[in-house]
Amino acid sequence: MPVNGSELRFVGRWTSGAGLGGAEISAVDKESKRLFVTNGTKNTIDIVDISNPKKVKLVKSVDFTALG
């Protein structure tokens, strides 16, 4: 049952390539149509273009390894 008028449905998929521990926490920017995902396996934030749900693609990975 939708909460507050929201309803989830599957529209596309993106694979982080880091196995089961890859994608953890995500946030969506509606204006840029990008998804920001923490990747615990690679110690990065992955920026994903979701403007076309059928062709979701990685834009950039920001590496945080140097920060510990």
PDB file of N, CA and C in Angstrom:
ATOM      1  N   MET A   1       0.835  -1.166   0.000  1.00  0.00           N
ATOM      2  CA  MET A   1       0.000   0.000   0.000  1.00  0.00           C
ATOM      3  C   MET A   1       0.891   1.245   0.000  1.00  0.00           C
ATOM      4  N   PRO A   2       0.681   2.198  -0.897  1.00  0.00           N
ATOM      5  CA  PRO A   2       1.486   3.419  -0.964  1.00  0.00           C
ATOM      6  C   PRO A   2       1.372   4.255   0.307  1.00  0.00           C
ATOM      7  N   VAL A   3       2.488   4.832   0.706  1.00  0.00           N
ATOM      8  CA  VAL A   3       2.523   5.725   1.862  1.00  0.00           C
ATOM      9  C   VAL A   3       2.720   7.139   1.350  1.00  0.00           C
ATOM     10  N   ASN A   4       1.902   8.074   1.801  1.00  0.00           N
ATOM     11  CA  ASN A   4       1.996   9.475   1.378  1.00  0.00           C
ATOM     12  C   ASN A   4       1.944   9.623  -0.139  1.00  0.00           C
ATOM     13  N   GLY A   5       1.210   8.773  -0.814  1.00  0.00           N
ATOM     14  CA  GLY A   5       1.072   8.876  -2.262  1.00  0.00           C
ATOM     15  C   GLY A   5       2.254   8.333  -3.050  1.00  0.00           C
ATOM     16  N   SER A   6       3.229   7.732  -2.375  1.00  0.00           N
ATOM     17  CA  SER A   6       4.410   7.190  -3.052  1.00  0.00           C
ATOM     18  C   SER A   6       4.231   5.701  -3.312  1.00  0.00           C
ATOM     19  N   GLU A   7       4.790   5.263  -4.401  1.00  0.00           N
ATOM     20  CA  GLU A   7       4.746   3.845  -4.725  1.00  0.00           C
ATOM     21  C   GLU A   7       6.041   3.462  -5.426  1.00  0.00           C
ATOM     22  N   LEU A   8       6.670   2.382  -4.974  1.00  0.00           N
ATOM     23  CA  LEU A   8       7.904   1.901  -5.591  1.00  0.00           C
ATOM     24  C   LEU A   8       7.579   0.898  -6.681  1.00  0.00           C
ATOM     25  N   ARG A   9       8.326   0.983  -7.781  1.00  0.00           N
ATOM     26  CA  ARG A   9       8.211  -0.009  -8.840  1.00  0.00           C
ATOM     27  C   ARG A   9       9.564  -0.130  -9.532  1.00  0.00           C
ATOM     28  N   PHE A  10       9.871  -1.321  -9.994  1.00  0.00           N
ATOM     29  CA  PHE A  10      11.139  -1.582 -10.666  1.00  0.00           C
ATOM     30  C   PHE A  10      11.114  -0.953 -12.057  1.00  0.00           C
ATOM     31  N   VAL A  11      12.146  -0.139 -12.364  1.00  0.00           N
ATOM     32  CA  VAL A  11      12.241   0.465 -13.700  1.00  0.00           C
ATOM     33  C   VAL A  11      13.599   0.238 -14.354  1.00  0.00           C
ATOM     34  N   GLY A  12      14.613  -0.100 -13.572  1.00  0.00           N
ATOM     35  CA  GLY A  12      15.940  -0.308 -14.142  1.00  0.00           C
ATOM     36  C   GLY A  12      16.890  -0.871 -13.113  1.00  0.00           C
ATOM     37  N   ARG A  13      18.093  -1.193 -13.552  1.00  0.00           N
ATOM     38  CA  ARG A  13      19.075  -1.813 -12.659  1.00  0.00           C
ATOM     39  C   ARG A  13      20.465  -1.318 -13.006  1.00  0.00           C
ATOM     40  N   TRP A  14      21.280  -1.173 -11.974  1.00  0.00           N
ATOM     41  CA  TRP A  14      22.688  -0.843 -12.138  1.00  0.00           C
ATOM     42  C   TRP A  14      23.466  -1.736 -11.187  1.00  0.00           C
ATOM     43  N   THR A  15      24.564  -2.292 -11.645  1.00  0.00           N
ATOM     44  CA  THR A  15      25.394  -3.163 -10.825  1.00  0.00           C
ATOM     45  C   THR A  15      26.706  -2.468 -10.527  1.00  0.00           C
ATOM     46  N   SER A  16      27.054  -2.398  -9.246  1.00  0.00           N
ATOM     47  CA  SER A  16      28.275  -1.700  -8.833  1.00  0.00           C
ATOM     48  C   SER A  16      29.535  -2.461  -9.213  1.00  0.00           C
ATOM     49  N   GLY A  17      29.409  -3.762  -9.444  1.00  0.00           N
ATOM     50  CA  GLY A  17      30.567  -4.566  -9.796  1.00  0.00           C
ATOM     51  C   GLY A  17      31.404  -4.963  -8.598  1.00  0.00           C
ATOM     52  N   ALA A  18      30.876  -4.723  -7.398  1.00  0.00           N
ATOM     53  CA  ALA A  18      31.634  -5.006  -6.184  1.00  0.00           C
ATOM     54  C   ALA A  18      31.040  -6.152  -5.381  1.00  0.00           C
ATOM     55  N   GLY A  19      30.265  -6.991  -5.998  1.00  0.00           N
ATOM     56  CA  GLY A  19      29.680  -8.120  -5.295  1.00  0.00           C
ATOM     57  C   GLY A  19      28.551  -7.704  -4.366  1.00  0.00           C
ATOM     58  N   LEU A  20      28.300  -8.523  -3.358  1.00  0.00           N
ATOM     59  CA  LEU A  20      27.172  -8.280  -2.464  1.00  0.00           C
ATOM     60  C   LEU A  20      27.367  -7.080  -1.547  1.00  0.00           C
ATOM     61  N   GLY A  21      28.595  -6.667  -1.289  1.00  0.00           N
ATOM     62  CA  GLY A  21      28.839  -5.562  -0.360  1.00  0.00           C
ATOM     63  C   GLY A  21      29.018  -4.223  -1.028  1.00  0.00           C
ATOM     64  N   GLY A  22      28.703  -4.099  -2.285  1.00  0.00           N
ATOM     65  CA  GLY A  22      28.960  -2.872  -3.038  1.00  0.00           C
ATOM     66  C   GLY A  22      28.081  -1.704  -2.687  1.00  0.00           C
ATOM     67  N   ALA A  23      26.905  -1.628  -3.255  1.00  0.00           N
ATOM     68  CA  ALA A  23      26.010  -0.486  -3.059  1.00  0.00           C
ATOM     69  C   ALA A  23      25.371  -0.559  -1.682  1.00  0.00           C
ATOM     70  N   GLU A  24      25.497   0.526  -0.914  1.00  0.00           N
ATOM     71  CA  GLU A  24      24.961   0.535   0.440  1.00  0.00           C
ATOM     72  C   GLU A  24      23.881   1.596   0.619  1.00  0.00           C
ATOM     73  N   ILE A  25      24.263   2.851   0.726  1.00  0.00           N
ATOM     74  CA  ILE A  25      23.329   3.946   0.973  1.00  0.00           C
ATOM     75  C   ILE A  25      23.217   4.766  -0.301  1.00  0.00           C
ATOM     76  N   SER A  26      22.016   5.162  -0.657  1.00  0.00           N
ATOM     77  CA  SER A  26      21.851   5.937  -1.887  1.00  0.00           C
ATOM     78  C   SER A  26      20.980   7.164  -1.657  1.00  0.00           C
ATOM     79  N   ALA A  27      21.188   8.162  -2.517  1.00  0.00           N
ATOM     80  CA  ALA A  27      20.384   9.386  -2.516  1.00  0.00           C
ATOM     81  C   ALA A  27      20.153   9.781  -3.964  1.00  0.00           C
ATOM     82  N   VAL A  28      18.967  10.310  -4.244  1.00  0.00           N
ATOM     83  CA  VAL A  28      18.606  10.701  -5.606  1.00  0.00           C
ATOM     84  C   VAL A  28      18.533  12.216  -5.701  1.00  0.00           C
ATOM     85  N   ASP A  29      19.106  12.762  -6.776  1.00  0.00           N
ATOM     86  CA  ASP A  29      18.946  14.179  -7.106  1.00  0.00           C
ATOM     87  C   ASP A  29      18.004  14.243  -8.301  1.00  0.00           C
ATOM     88  N   LYS A  30      16.770  14.693  -8.064  1.00  0.00           N
ATOM     89  CA  LYS A  30      15.754  14.711  -9.127  1.00  0.00           C
ATOM     90  C   LYS A  30      16.127  15.646 -10.270  1.00  0.00           C
ATOM     91  N   GLU A  31      16.771  16.772  -9.960  1.00  0.00           N
ATOM     92  CA  GLU A  31      17.109  17.742 -11.006  1.00  0.00           C
ATOM     93  C   GLU A  31      18.138  17.207 -11.990  1.00  0.00           C
ATOM     94  N   SER A  32      19.218  16.618 -11.473  1.00  0.00           N
ATOM     95  CA  SER A  32      20.269  16.101 -12.358  1.00  0.00           C
ATOM     96  C   SER A  32      19.982  14.680 -12.833  1.00  0.00           C
ATOM     97  N   LYS A  33      18.975  14.047 -12.229  1.00  0.00           N
ATOM     98  CA  LYS A  33      18.624  12.654 -12.528  1.00  0.00           C
ATOM     99  C   LYS A  33      19.828  11.745 -12.312  1.00  0.00           C
ATOM    100  N   ARG A  34      20.441  11.956 -11.135  1.00  0.00           N
ATOM    101  CA  ARG A  34      21.599  11.137 -10.763  1.00  0.00           C
ATOM    102  C   ARG A  34      21.375  10.496  -9.407  1.00  0.00           C
ATOM    103  N   LEU A  35      21.954   9.326  -9.265  1.00  0.00           N
ATOM    104  CA  LEU A  35      21.896   8.565  -8.033  1.00  0.00           C
ATOM    105  C   LEU A  35      23.297   8.562  -7.438  1.00  0.00           C
ATOM    106  N   PHE A  36      23.410   8.856  -6.155  1.00  0.00           N
ATOM    107  CA  PHE A  36      24.693   8.874  -5.454  1.00  0.00           C
ATOM    108  C   PHE A  36      24.681   7.701  -4.480  1.00  0.00           C
ATOM    109  N   VAL A  37      25.641   6.788  -4.642  1.00  0.00           N
ATOM    110  CA  VAL A  37      25.633   5.534  -3.899  1.00  0.00           C
ATOM    111  C   VAL A  37      26.966   5.325  -3.193  1.00  0.00           C
ATOM    112  N   THR A  38      26.919   5.039  -1.879  1.00  0.00           N
ATOM    113  CA  THR A  38      28.158   4.686  -1.190  1.00  0.00           C
ATOM    114  C   THR A  38      28.506   3.247  -1.550  1.00  0.00           C
ATOM    115  N   ASN A  39      29.780   3.023  -1.835  1.00  0.00           N
ATOM    116  CA  ASN A  39      30.265   1.702  -2.212  1.00  0.00           C
ATOM    117  C   ASN A  39      31.320   1.301  -1.185  1.00  0.00           C
ATOM    118  N   GLY A  40      30.897   0.520  -0.184  1.00  0.00           N
ATOM    119  CA  GLY A  40      31.780   0.134   0.906  1.00  0.00           C
ATOM    120  C   GLY A  40      32.922  -0.770   0.490  1.00  0.00           C
ATOM    121  N   THR A  41      32.739  -1.564  -0.530  1.00  0.00           N
ATOM    122  CA  THR A  41      33.787  -2.465  -0.997  1.00  0.00           C
ATOM    123  C   THR A  41      34.930  -1.697  -1.641  1.00  0.00           C
ATOM    124  N   LYS A  42      34.595  -0.682  -2.440  1.00  0.00           N
ATOM    125  CA  LYS A  42      35.610   0.092  -3.158  1.00  0.00           C
ATOM    126  C   LYS A  42      35.977   1.397  -2.457  1.00  0.00           C
ATOM    127  N   ASN A  43      35.283   1.730  -1.340  1.00  0.00           N
ATOM    128  CA  ASN A  43      35.501   2.978  -0.599  1.00  0.00           C
ATOM    129  C   ASN A  43      35.319   4.196  -1.512  1.00  0.00           C
ATOM    130  N   THR A  44      34.215   4.204  -2.249  1.00  0.00           N
ATOM    131  CA  THR A  44      33.908   5.289  -3.178  1.00  0.00           C
ATOM    132  C   THR A  44      32.458   5.738  -3.011  1.00  0.00           C
ATOM    133  N   ILE A  45      32.165   6.884  -3.587  1.00  0.00           N
ATOM    134  CA  ILE A  45      30.783   7.266  -3.847  1.00  0.00           C
ATOM    135  C   ILE A  45      30.631   7.188  -5.354  1.00  0.00           C
ATOM    136  N   ASP A  46      29.708   6.361  -5.790  1.00  0.00           N
ATOM    137  CA  ASP A  46      29.466   6.184  -7.217  1.00  0.00           C
ATOM    138  C   ASP A  46      28.329   7.107  -7.642  1.00  0.00           C
ATOM    139  N   ILE A  47      28.547   7.851  -8.709  1.00  0.00           N
ATOM    140  CA  ILE A  47      27.540   8.757  -9.254  1.00  0.00           C
ATOM    141  C   ILE A  47      26.991   8.096 -10.510  1.00  0.00           C
ATOM    142  N   VAL A  48      25.686   7.852 -10.504  1.00  0.00           N
ATOM    143  CA  VAL A  48      25.051   7.060 -11.546  1.00  0.00           C
ATOM    144  C   VAL A  48      23.986   7.892 -12.266  1.00  0.00           C
ATOM    145  N   ASP A  49      24.031   7.895 -13.588  1.00  0.00           N
ATOM    146  CA  ASP A  49      23.040   8.590 -14.412  1.00  0.00           C
ATOM    147  C   ASP A  49      21.798   7.713 -14.520  1.00  0.00           C
ATOM    148  N   ILE A  50      20.668   8.215 -14.019  1.00  0.00           N
ATOM    149  CA  ILE A  50      19.420   7.455 -14.077  1.00  0.00           C
ATOM    150  C   ILE A  50      18.385   8.155 -14.967  1.00  0.00           C
ATOM    151  N   SER A  51      18.844   9.031 -15.862  1.00  0.00           N
ATOM    152  CA  SER A  51      17.919   9.760 -16.735  1.00  0.00           C
ATOM    153  C   SER A  51      17.161   8.826 -17.678  1.00  0.00           C
ATOM    154  N   ASN A  52      17.782   7.702 -18.030  1.00  0.00           N
ATOM    155  CA  ASN A  52      17.114   6.685 -18.842  1.00  0.00           C
ATOM    156  C   ASN A  52      17.177   5.373 -18.059  1.00  0.00           C
ATOM    157  N   PRO A  53      16.098   5.006 -17.358  1.00  0.00           N
ATOM    158  CA  PRO A  53      16.117   3.810 -16.515  1.00  0.00           C
ATOM    159  C   PRO A  53      16.490   2.522 -17.250  1.00  0.00           C
ATOM    160  N   LYS A  54      16.319   2.489 -18.553  1.00  0.00           N
ATOM    161  CA  LYS A  54      16.675   1.290 -19.318  1.00  0.00           C
ATOM    162  C   LYS A  54      18.168   1.241 -19.639  1.00  0.00           C
ATOM    163  N   LYS A  55      18.867   2.374 -19.462  1.00  0.00           N
ATOM    164  CA  LYS A  55      20.308   2.443 -19.725  1.00  0.00           C
ATOM    165  C   LYS A  55      21.004   3.190 -18.590  1.00  0.00           C
ATOM    166  N   VAL A  56      20.857   2.693 -17.375  1.00  0.00           N
ATOM    167  CA  VAL A  56      21.500   3.289 -16.210  1.00  0.00           C
ATOM    168  C   VAL A  56      23.003   3.103 -16.349  1.00  0.00           C
ATOM    169  N   LYS A  57      23.784   4.189 -16.106  1.00  0.00           N
ATOM    170  CA  LYS A  57      25.233   4.063 -16.299  1.00  0.00           C
ATOM    171  C   LYS A  57      26.011   4.871 -15.266  1.00  0.00           C
ATOM    172  N   LEU A  58      27.200   4.380 -14.959  1.00  0.00           N
ATOM    173  CA  LEU A  58      28.102   5.051 -14.033  1.00  0.00           C
ATOM    174  C   LEU A  58      28.676   6.295 -14.694  1.00  0.00           C
ATOM    175  N   VAL A  59      28.590   7.434 -13.994  1.00  0.00           N
ATOM    176  CA  VAL A  59      29.162   8.686 -14.487  1.00  0.00           C
ATOM    177  C   VAL A  59      30.579   8.840 -13.950  1.00  0.00           C
ATOM    178  N   LYS A  60      30.735   8.588 -12.647  1.00  0.00           N
ATOM    179  CA  LYS A  60      32.025   8.810 -11.998  1.00  0.00           C
ATOM    180  C   LYS A  60      32.028   8.125 -10.640  1.00  0.00           C
ATOM    181  N   SER A  61      33.212   7.693 -10.202  1.00  0.00           N
ATOM    182  CA  SER A  61      33.410   7.198  -8.844  1.00  0.00           C
ATOM    183  C   SER A  61      34.365   8.144  -8.134  1.00  0.00           C
ATOM    184  N   VAL A  62      33.965   8.602  -6.957  1.00  0.00           N
ATOM    185  CA  VAL A  62      34.814   9.484  -6.156  1.00  0.00           C
ATOM    186  C   VAL A  62      35.480   8.618  -5.095  1.00  0.00           C
ATOM    187  N   ASP A  63      36.809   8.540  -5.142  1.00  0.00           N
ATOM    188  CA  ASP A  63      37.584   7.657  -4.270  1.00  0.00           C
ATOM    189  C   ASP A  63      37.879   8.328  -2.931  1.00  0.00           C
ATOM    190  N   PHE A  64      37.534   7.646  -1.835  1.00  0.00           N
ATOM    191  CA  PHE A  64      37.785   8.155  -0.490  1.00  0.00           C
ATOM    192  C   PHE A  64      38.840   7.335   0.249  1.00  0.00           C
ATOM    193  N   THR A  65      39.593   6.512  -0.461  1.00  0.00           N
ATOM    194  CA  THR A  65      40.597   5.646   0.156  1.00  0.00           C
ATOM    195  C   THR A  65      41.623   6.439   0.955  1.00  0.00           C
ATOM    196  N   ALA A  66      42.063   7.578   0.446  1.00  0.00           N
ATOM    197  CA  ALA A  66      43.085   8.386   1.120  1.00  0.00           C
ATOM    198  C   ALA A  66      42.600   8.946   2.455  1.00  0.00           C
ATOM    199  N   LEU A  67      41.295   8.994   2.661  1.00  0.00           N
ATOM    200  CA  LEU A  67      40.743   9.538   3.901  1.00  0.00           C
ATOM    201  C   LEU A  67      40.617   8.493   4.999  1.00  0.00           C
ATOM    202  N   GLY A  68      40.924   7.237   4.656  1.00  0.00           N
ATOM    203  CA  GLY A  68      40.902   6.187   5.657  1.00  0.00           C
ATOM    204  C   GLY A  68      39.638   5.461   5.639  1.00  0.00           C
TER     205      GLY A  68
END
